[in-house]
């Protein structure tokens, strides 16, 4: 499902205009991105939580040249579904 499909469904369900719904959806996603970039946890009750996890530097091998490379330390985004959400999906 693309964002535009998501916006259309919410727009029909809430009977709000497409443009307003599009702005709201983009604002929600932007706020989630902002909080994650600040290393904050985002919890959506009944859905799940988004959080970042630090990854230390590590050694790797370039696939083509077979040279050893070192990956810099960075953060990755993780999602953990709530129990209620997992029960509904099963």
PDB file of N, CA and C in Angstrom:
ATOM      1  N   UNK A   1       0.845  -1.173   0.000  1.00  0.00           N
ATOM      2  CA  UNK A   1       0.000   0.000   0.000  1.00  0.00           C
ATOM      3  C   UNK A   1       0.895   1.242   0.000  1.00  0.00           C
ATOM      4  N   UNK A   2       0.601   2.148  -0.894  1.00  0.00           N
ATOM      5  CA  UNK A   2       1.336   3.402  -0.973  1.00  0.00           C
ATOM      6  C   UNK A   2       0.694   4.432  -0.050  1.00  0.00           C
ATOM      7  N   UNK A   3       1.432   5.498   0.212  1.00  0.00           N
ATOM      8  CA  UNK A   3       0.922   6.561   1.072  1.00  0.00           C
ATOM      9  C   UNK A   3      -0.357   7.160   0.501  1.00  0.00           C
ATOM     10  N   UNK A   4      -0.417   7.338  -0.820  1.00  0.00           N
ATOM     11  CA  UNK A   4      -1.613   7.921  -1.431  1.00  0.00           C
ATOM     12  C   UNK A   4      -2.837   7.015  -1.221  1.00  0.00           C
ATOM     13  N   UNK A   5      -2.652   5.701  -1.298  1.00  0.00           N
ATOM     14  CA  UNK A   5      -3.752   4.763  -1.032  1.00  0.00           C
ATOM     15  C   UNK A   5      -4.202   4.865   0.425  1.00  0.00           C
ATOM     16  N   UNK A   6      -3.229   4.974   1.307  1.00  0.00           N
ATOM     17  CA  UNK A   6      -3.498   5.120   2.737  1.00  0.00           C
ATOM     18  C   UNK A   6      -4.310   6.386   3.006  1.00  0.00           C
ATOM     19  N   UNK A   7      -3.908   7.479   2.359  1.00  0.00           N
ATOM     20  CA  UNK A   7      -4.612   8.759   2.522  1.00  0.00           C
ATOM     21  C   UNK A   7      -6.045   8.656   2.001  1.00  0.00           C
ATOM     22  N   UNK A   8      -6.233   8.020   0.847  1.00  0.00           N
ATOM     23  CA  UNK A   8      -7.576   7.856   0.283  1.00  0.00           C
ATOM     24  C   UNK A   8      -8.488   7.084   1.238  1.00  0.00           C
ATOM     25  N   UNK A   9      -7.978   5.988   1.815  1.00  0.00           N
ATOM     26  CA  UNK A   9      -8.782   5.191   2.730  1.00  0.00           C
ATOM     27  C   UNK A   9      -9.173   5.989   3.972  1.00  0.00           C
ATOM     28  N   UNK A  10      -8.229   6.705   4.537  1.00  0.00           N
ATOM     29  CA  UNK A  10      -8.523   7.509   5.729  1.00  0.00           C
ATOM     30  C   UNK A  10      -9.486   8.633   5.386  1.00  0.00           C
ATOM     31  N   UNK A  11      -9.308   9.233   4.227  1.00  0.00           N
ATOM     32  CA  UNK A  11     -10.181  10.320   3.798  1.00  0.00           C
ATOM     33  C   UNK A  11     -11.626   9.844   3.683  1.00  0.00           C
ATOM     34  N   UNK A  12     -11.834   8.675   3.086  1.00  0.00           N
ATOM     35  CA  UNK A  12     -13.196   8.129   2.955  1.00  0.00           C
ATOM     36  C   UNK A  12     -13.773   7.750   4.305  1.00  0.00           C
ATOM     37  N   UNK A  13     -12.932   7.143   5.146  1.00  0.00           N
ATOM     38  CA  UNK A  13     -13.417   6.668   6.446  1.00  0.00           C
ATOM     39  C   UNK A  13     -13.791   7.820   7.382  1.00  0.00           C
ATOM     40  N   UNK A  14     -13.036   8.910   7.321  1.00  0.00           N
ATOM     41  CA  UNK A  14     -13.283  10.037   8.223  1.00  0.00           C
ATOM     42  C   UNK A  14     -14.142  11.121   7.591  1.00  0.00           C
ATOM     43  N   UNK A  15     -14.414  11.004   6.295  1.00  0.00           N
ATOM     44  CA  UNK A  15     -15.184  11.992   5.540  1.00  0.00           C
ATOM     45  C   UNK A  15     -14.525  13.365   5.552  1.00  0.00           C
ATOM     46  N   UNK A  16     -13.211  13.378   5.620  1.00  0.00           N
ATOM     47  CA  UNK A  16     -12.444  14.626   5.502  1.00  0.00           C
ATOM     48  C   UNK A  16     -11.954  14.751   4.074  1.00  0.00           C
ATOM     49  N   UNK A  17     -11.597  15.934   3.670  1.00  0.00           N
ATOM     50  CA  UNK A  17     -11.080  16.132   2.326  1.00  0.00           C
ATOM     51  C   UNK A  17      -9.724  15.464   2.138  1.00  0.00           C
ATOM     52  N   UNK A  18      -9.416  15.151   0.896  1.00  0.00           N
ATOM     53  CA  UNK A  18      -8.164  14.463   0.584  1.00  0.00           C
ATOM     54  C   UNK A  18      -6.955  15.304   0.998  1.00  0.00           C
ATOM     55  N   UNK A  19      -6.989  16.607   0.690  1.00  0.00           N
ATOM     56  CA  UNK A  19      -5.840  17.466   0.999  1.00  0.00           C
ATOM     57  C   UNK A  19      -5.589  17.565   2.498  1.00  0.00           C
ATOM     58  N   UNK A  20      -6.656  17.737   3.259  1.00  0.00           N
ATOM     59  CA  UNK A  20      -6.515  17.825   4.711  1.00  0.00           C
ATOM     60  C   UNK A  20      -5.970  16.511   5.278  1.00  0.00           C
ATOM     61  N   UNK A  21      -6.514  15.407   4.817  1.00  0.00           N
ATOM     62  CA  UNK A  21      -6.055  14.094   5.270  1.00  0.00           C
ATOM     63  C   UNK A  21      -4.599  13.878   4.904  1.00  0.00           C
ATOM     64  N   UNK A  22      -4.217  14.291   3.703  1.00  0.00           N
ATOM     65  CA  UNK A  22      -2.832  14.167   3.258  1.00  0.00           C
ATOM     66  C   UNK A  22      -1.896  14.960   4.174  1.00  0.00           C
ATOM     67  N   UNK A  23      -2.296  16.168   4.543  1.00  0.00           N
ATOM     68  CA  UNK A  23      -1.481  16.993   5.437  1.00  0.00           C
ATOM     69  C   UNK A  23      -1.338  16.345   6.811  1.00  0.00           C
ATOM     70  N   UNK A  24      -2.425  15.785   7.319  1.00  0.00           N
ATOM     71  CA  UNK A  24      -2.394  15.146   8.638  1.00  0.00           C
ATOM     72  C   UNK A  24      -1.478  13.924   8.616  1.00  0.00           C
ATOM     73  N   UNK A  25      -1.617  13.081   7.601  1.00  0.00           N
ATOM     74  CA  UNK A  25      -0.790  11.874   7.502  1.00  0.00           C
ATOM     75  C   UNK A  25       0.685  12.258   7.388  1.00  0.00           C
ATOM     76  N   UNK A  26       0.991  13.248   6.540  1.00  0.00           N
ATOM     77  CA  UNK A  26       2.384  13.682   6.406  1.00  0.00           C
ATOM     78  C   UNK A  26       2.913  14.260   7.711  1.00  0.00           C
ATOM     79  N   UNK A  27       2.067  14.992   8.450  1.00  0.00           N
ATOM     80  CA  UNK A  27       2.485  15.565   9.728  1.00  0.00           C
ATOM     81  C   UNK A  27       2.792  14.467  10.742  1.00  0.00           C
ATOM     82  N   UNK A  28       1.968  13.427  10.762  1.00  0.00           N
ATOM     83  CA  UNK A  28       2.204  12.311  11.687  1.00  0.00           C
ATOM     84  C   UNK A  28       3.523  11.622  11.356  1.00  0.00           C
ATOM     85  N   UNK A  29       3.737  11.309  10.091  1.00  0.00           N
ATOM     86  CA  UNK A  29       4.983  10.652   9.694  1.00  0.00           C
ATOM     87  C   UNK A  29       6.197  11.538   9.957  1.00  0.00           C
ATOM     88  N   UNK A  30       6.078  12.827   9.688  1.00  0.00           N
ATOM     89  CA  UNK A  30       7.185  13.751   9.947  1.00  0.00           C
ATOM     90  C   UNK A  30       7.516  13.811  11.433  1.00  0.00           C
ATOM     91  N   UNK A  31       6.496  13.812  12.268  1.00  0.00           N
ATOM     92  CA  UNK A  31       6.738  13.861  13.714  1.00  0.00           C
ATOM     93  C   UNK A  31       7.389  12.580  14.208  1.00  0.00           C
ATOM     94  N   UNK A  32       6.999  11.441  13.658  1.00  0.00           N
ATOM     95  CA  UNK A  32       7.652  10.177  14.016  1.00  0.00           C
ATOM     96  C   UNK A  32       9.126  10.241  13.630  1.00  0.00           C
ATOM     97  N   UNK A  33       9.423  10.727  12.421  1.00  0.00           N
ATOM     98  CA  UNK A  33      10.820  10.865  11.976  1.00  0.00           C
ATOM     99  C   UNK A  33      11.597  11.796  12.890  1.00  0.00           C
ATOM    100  N   UNK A  34      10.993  12.923  13.257  1.00  0.00           N
ATOM    101  CA  UNK A  34      11.662  13.900  14.114  1.00  0.00           C
ATOM    102  C   UNK A  34      12.008  13.293  15.467  1.00  0.00           C
ATOM    103  N   UNK A  35      11.055  12.599  16.068  1.00  0.00           N
ATOM    104  CA  UNK A  35      11.297  12.008  17.377  1.00  0.00           C
ATOM    105  C   UNK A  35      12.362  10.914  17.314  1.00  0.00           C
ATOM    106  N   UNK A  36      12.344  10.113  16.261  1.00  0.00           N
ATOM    107  CA  UNK A  36      13.361   9.073  16.116  1.00  0.00           C
ATOM    108  C   UNK A  36      14.743   9.676  15.885  1.00  0.00           C
ATOM    109  N   UNK A  37      14.815  10.782  15.152  1.00  0.00           N
ATOM    110  CA  UNK A  37      16.110  11.424  14.934  1.00  0.00           C
ATOM    111  C   UNK A  37      16.647  12.012  16.236  1.00  0.00           C
ATOM    112  N   UNK A  38      15.755  12.326  17.172  1.00  0.00           N
ATOM    113  CA  UNK A  38      16.164  12.811  18.501  1.00  0.00           C
ATOM    114  C   UNK A  38      16.427  11.655  19.461  1.00  0.00           C
ATOM    115  N   UNK A  39      16.382  10.448  18.957  1.00  0.00           N
ATOM    116  CA  UNK A  39      16.618   9.232  19.743  1.00  0.00           C
ATOM    117  C   UNK A  39      15.515   8.991  20.773  1.00  0.00           C
ATOM    118  N   UNK A  40      14.300   9.459  20.491  1.00  0.00           N
ATOM    119  CA  UNK A  40      13.153   9.248  21.364  1.00  0.00           C
ATOM    120  C   UNK A  40      12.373   8.026  20.885  1.00  0.00           C
ATOM    121  N   UNK A  41      11.720   7.361  21.808  1.00  0.00           N
ATOM    122  CA  UNK A  41      10.870   6.224  21.476  1.00  0.00           C
ATOM    123  C   UNK A  41       9.467   6.740  21.153  1.00  0.00           C
ATOM    124  N   UNK A  42       8.845   6.200  20.111  1.00  0.00           N
ATOM    125  CA  UNK A  42       7.491   6.595  19.722  1.00  0.00           C
ATOM    126  C   UNK A  42       6.571   5.408  19.963  1.00  0.00           C
ATOM    127  N   UNK A  43       5.618   5.584  20.872  1.00  0.00           N
ATOM    128  CA  UNK A  43       4.685   4.511  21.223  1.00  0.00           C
ATOM    129  C   UNK A  43       3.297   4.890  20.747  1.00  0.00           C
ATOM    130  N   UNK A  44       2.691   4.028  19.939  1.00  0.00           N
ATOM    131  CA  UNK A  44       1.322   4.221  19.469  1.00  0.00           C
ATOM    132  C   UNK A  44       0.492   3.108  20.097  1.00  0.00           C
ATOM    133  N   UNK A  45      -0.325   3.489  21.074  1.00  0.00           N
ATOM    134  CA  UNK A  45      -1.094   2.536  21.862  1.00  0.00           C
ATOM    135  C   UNK A  45      -1.949   1.632  20.973  1.00  0.00           C
ATOM    136  N   UNK A  46      -1.848   0.330  21.181  1.00  0.00           N
ATOM    137  CA  UNK A  46      -2.627  -0.633  20.423  1.00  0.00           C
ATOM    138  C   UNK A  46      -2.016  -0.982  19.077  1.00  0.00           C
ATOM    139  N   UNK A  47      -0.912  -0.346  18.721  1.00  0.00           N
ATOM    140  CA  UNK A  47      -0.251  -0.611  17.438  1.00  0.00           C
ATOM    141  C   UNK A  47       1.161  -1.119  17.660  1.00  0.00           C
ATOM    142  N   UNK A  48       1.987  -0.322  18.334  1.00  0.00           N
ATOM    143  CA  UNK A  48       3.352  -0.740  18.588  1.00  0.00           C
ATOM    144  C   UNK A  48       4.244   0.443  18.879  1.00  0.00           C
ATOM    145  N   UNK A  49       5.543   0.196  18.899  1.00  0.00           N
ATOM    146  CA  UNK A  49       6.489   1.270  19.188  1.00  0.00           C
ATOM    147  C   UNK A  49       7.653   1.240  18.211  1.00  0.00           C
ATOM    148  N   UNK A  50       8.121   2.432  17.871  1.00  0.00           N
ATOM    149  CA  UNK A  50       9.292   2.623  17.030  1.00  0.00           C
ATOM    150  C   UNK A  50      10.413   3.114  17.929  1.00  0.00           C
ATOM    151  N   UNK A  51      11.617   2.609  17.720  1.00  0.00           N
ATOM    152  CA  UNK A  51      12.752   3.072  18.500  1.00  0.00           C
ATOM    153  C   UNK A  51      14.023   2.873  17.681  1.00  0.00           C
ATOM    154  N   UNK A  52      15.093   3.551  18.127  1.00  0.00           N
ATOM    155  CA  UNK A  52      16.375   3.404  17.439  1.00  0.00           C
ATOM    156  C   UNK A  52      17.297   2.574  18.306  1.00  0.00           C
ATOM    157  N   UNK A  53      18.191   1.863  17.651  1.00  0.00           N
ATOM    158  CA  UNK A  53      19.135   1.005  18.348  1.00  0.00           C
ATOM    159  C   UNK A  53      20.530   1.304  17.804  1.00  0.00           C
ATOM    160  N   UNK A  54      21.498   1.558  18.690  1.00  0.00           N
ATOM    161  CA  UNK A  54      22.852   1.831  18.197  1.00  0.00           C
ATOM    162  C   UNK A  54      23.538   0.552  17.719  1.00  0.00           C
ATOM    163  N   UNK A  55      24.326   0.684  16.668  1.00  0.00           N
ATOM    164  CA  UNK A  55      25.108  -0.430  16.139  1.00  0.00           C
ATOM    165  C   UNK A  55      26.564  -0.002  16.177  1.00  0.00           C
ATOM    166  N   UNK A  56      27.416  -0.803  16.814  1.00  0.00           N
ATOM    167  CA  UNK A  56      28.831  -0.488  16.916  1.00  0.00           C
ATOM    168  C   UNK A  56      29.523  -0.655  15.567  1.00  0.00           C
ATOM    169  N   UNK A  57      30.739  -0.109  15.488  1.00  0.00           N
ATOM    170  CA  UNK A  57      31.495  -0.311  14.248  1.00  0.00           C
ATOM    171  C   UNK A  57      31.847  -1.782  14.138  1.00  0.00           C
ATOM    172  N   UNK A  58      31.937  -2.277  12.910  1.00  0.00           N
ATOM    173  CA  UNK A  58      32.258  -3.682  12.714  1.00  0.00           C
ATOM    174  C   UNK A  58      33.001  -3.867  11.407  1.00  0.00           C
ATOM    175  N   UNK A  59      33.700  -4.971  11.320  1.00  0.00           N
ATOM    176  CA  UNK A  59      34.454  -5.289  10.115  1.00  0.00           C
ATOM    177  C   UNK A  59      33.551  -6.004   9.125  1.00  0.00           C
ATOM    178  N   UNK A  60      33.823  -5.776   7.854  1.00  0.00           N
ATOM    179  CA  UNK A  60      33.089  -6.436   6.794  1.00  0.00           C
ATOM    180  C   UNK A  60      34.009  -6.676   5.617  1.00  0.00           C
ATOM    181  N   UNK A  61      33.503  -7.304   4.592  1.00  0.00           N
ATOM    182  CA  UNK A  61      34.280  -7.575   3.385  1.00  0.00           C
ATOM    183  C   UNK A  61      33.512  -7.072   2.182  1.00  0.00           C
ATOM    184  N   UNK A  62      34.206  -6.310   1.312  1.00  0.00           N
ATOM    185  CA  UNK A  62      33.604  -5.835   0.078  1.00  0.00           C
ATOM    186  C   UNK A  62      33.373  -7.048  -0.811  1.00  0.00           C
ATOM    187  N   UNK A  63      32.171  -7.205  -1.322  1.00  0.00           N
ATOM    188  CA  UNK A  63      31.794  -8.412  -2.054  1.00  0.00           C
ATOM    189  C   UNK A  63      32.629  -8.616  -3.314  1.00  0.00           C
ATOM    190  N   UNK A  64      32.876  -7.559  -4.052  1.00  0.00           N
ATOM    191  CA  UNK A  64      33.576  -7.690  -5.330  1.00  0.00           C
ATOM    192  C   UNK A  64      35.089  -7.733  -5.163  1.00  0.00           C
ATOM    193  N   UNK A  65      35.638  -6.772  -4.411  1.00  0.00           N
ATOM    194  CA  UNK A  65      37.102  -6.668  -4.303  1.00  0.00           C
ATOM    195  C   UNK A  65      37.680  -7.527  -3.194  1.00  0.00           C
ATOM    196  N   UNK A  66      36.850  -8.062  -2.337  1.00  0.00           N
ATOM    197  CA  UNK A  66      37.257  -8.897  -1.201  1.00  0.00           C
ATOM    198  C   UNK A  66      38.149  -8.148  -0.212  1.00  0.00           C
ATOM    199  N   UNK A  67      38.136  -6.830  -0.263  1.00  0.00           N
ATOM    200  CA  UNK A  67      38.911  -6.041   0.677  1.00  0.00           C
ATOM    201  C   UNK A  67      38.124  -5.892   1.981  1.00  0.00           C
ATOM    202  N   UNK A  68      38.885  -5.816   3.064  1.00  0.00           N
ATOM    203  CA  UNK A  68      38.240  -5.629   4.362  1.00  0.00           C
ATOM    204  C   UNK A  68      37.837  -4.159   4.510  1.00  0.00           C
ATOM    205  N   UNK A  69      36.616  -3.934   4.960  1.00  0.00           N
ATOM    206  CA  UNK A  69      36.140  -2.572   5.196  1.00  0.00           C
ATOM    207  C   UNK A  69      35.597  -2.495   6.621  1.00  0.00           C
ATOM    208  N   UNK A  70      35.544  -1.290   7.146  1.00  0.00           N
ATOM    209  CA  UNK A  70      35.008  -1.094   8.490  1.00  0.00           C
ATOM    210  C   UNK A  70      33.753  -0.242   8.383  1.00  0.00           C
ATOM    211  N   UNK A  71      32.646  -0.770   8.900  1.00  0.00           N
ATOM    212  CA  UNK A  71      31.383  -0.043   8.910  1.00  0.00           C
ATOM    213  C   UNK A  71      31.380   0.884  10.112  1.00  0.00           C
ATOM    214  N   UNK A  72      31.010   2.137   9.905  1.00  0.00           N
ATOM    215  CA  UNK A  72      30.978   3.122  10.976  1.00  0.00           C
ATOM    216  C   UNK A  72      29.838   2.823  11.954  1.00  0.00           C
ATOM    217  N   UNK A  73      29.980   3.255  13.197  1.00  0.00           N
ATOM    218  CA  UNK A  73      28.861   3.094  14.117  1.00  0.00           C
ATOM    219  C   UNK A  73      27.673   3.954  13.671  1.00  0.00           C
ATOM    220  N   UNK A  74      26.476   3.433  13.821  1.00  0.00           N
ATOM    221  CA  UNK A  74      25.276   4.146  13.383  1.00  0.00           C
ATOM    222  C   UNK A  74      24.077   3.645  14.179  1.00  0.00           C
ATOM    223  N   UNK A  75      22.917   4.209  13.899  1.00  0.00           N
ATOM    224  CA  UNK A  75      21.679   3.780  14.545  1.00  0.00           C
ATOM    225  C   UNK A  75      20.759   3.173  13.497  1.00  0.00           C
ATOM    226  N   UNK A  76      19.988   2.176  13.911  1.00  0.00           N
ATOM    227  CA  UNK A  76      18.997   1.567  13.033  1.00  0.00           C
ATOM    228  C   UNK A  76      17.623   1.725  13.677  1.00  0.00           C
ATOM    229  N   UNK A  77      16.584   1.750  12.863  1.00  0.00           N
ATOM    230  CA  UNK A  77      15.215   1.905  13.355  1.00  0.00           C
ATOM    231  C   UNK A  77      14.601   0.520  13.524  1.00  0.00           C
ATOM    232  N   UNK A  78      13.946   0.324  14.638  1.00  0.00           N
ATOM    233  CA  UNK A  78      13.278  -0.937  14.932  1.00  0.00           C
ATOM    234  C   UNK A  78      11.805  -0.667  15.255  1.00  0.00           C
ATOM    235  N   UNK A  79      10.983  -1.683  15.036  1.00  0.00           N
ATOM    236  CA  UNK A  79       9.563  -1.609  15.360  1.00  0.00           C
ATOM    237  C   UNK A  79       9.191  -2.834  16.162  1.00  0.00           C
ATOM    238  N   UNK A  80       8.441  -2.627  17.212  1.00  0.00           N
ATOM    239  CA  UNK A  80       7.947  -3.720  18.031  1.00  0.00           C
ATOM    240  C   UNK A  80       6.425  -3.610  18.091  1.00  0.00           C
ATOM    241  N   UNK A  81       5.738  -4.620  17.569  1.00  0.00           N
ATOM    242  CA  UNK A  81       4.271  -4.602  17.549  1.00  0.00           C
ATOM    243  C   UNK A  81       3.727  -4.872  18.951  1.00  0.00           C
ATOM    244  N   UNK A  82       2.603  -4.241  19.272  1.00  0.00           N
ATOM    245  CA  UNK A  82       1.975  -4.465  20.578  1.00  0.00           C
ATOM    246  C   UNK A  82       1.327  -5.846  20.604  1.00  0.00           C
ATOM    247  N   UNK A  83       1.060  -6.342  21.793  1.00  0.00           N
ATOM    248  CA  UNK A  83       0.408  -7.651  21.924  1.00  0.00           C
ATOM    249  C   UNK A  83      -0.960  -7.656  21.247  1.00  0.00           C
ATOM    250  N   UNK A  84      -1.710  -6.587  21.463  1.00  0.00           N
ATOM    251  CA  UNK A  84      -3.051  -6.482  20.873  1.00  0.00           C
ATOM    252  C   UNK A  84      -2.970  -6.543  19.348  1.00  0.00           C
ATOM    253  N   UNK A  85      -2.017  -5.841  18.760  1.00  0.00           N
ATOM    254  CA  UNK A  85      -1.852  -5.832  17.309  1.00  0.00           C
ATOM    255  C   UNK A  85      -1.466  -7.211  16.797  1.00  0.00           C
ATOM    256  N   UNK A  86      -0.546  -7.876  17.508  1.00  0.00           N
ATOM    257  CA  UNK A  86      -0.146  -9.222  17.093  1.00  0.00           C
ATOM    258  C   UNK A  86      -1.304 -10.199  17.144  1.00  0.00           C
ATOM    259  N   UNK A  87      -2.159 -10.086  18.169  1.00  0.00           N
ATOM    260  CA  UNK A  87      -3.320 -10.976  18.280  1.00  0.00           C
ATOM    261  C   UNK A  87      -4.299 -10.749  17.121  1.00  0.00           C
ATOM    262  N   UNK A  88      -4.508  -9.483  16.752  1.00  0.00           N
ATOM    263  CA  UNK A  88      -5.427  -9.161  15.663  1.00  0.00           C
ATOM    264  C   UNK A  88      -4.925  -9.647  14.310  1.00  0.00           C
ATOM    265  N   UNK A  89      -3.617  -9.661  14.119  1.00  0.00           N
ATOM    266  CA  UNK A  89      -3.026 -10.093  12.848  1.00  0.00           C
ATOM    267  C   UNK A  89      -3.084 -11.610  12.710  1.00  0.00           C
ATOM    268  N   UNK A  90      -2.889 -12.312  13.792  1.00  0.00           N
ATOM    269  CA  UNK A  90      -2.904 -13.794  13.729  1.00  0.00           C
ATOM    270  C   UNK A  90      -4.261 -14.269  13.470  1.00  0.00           C
TER     271      UNK A  90
END
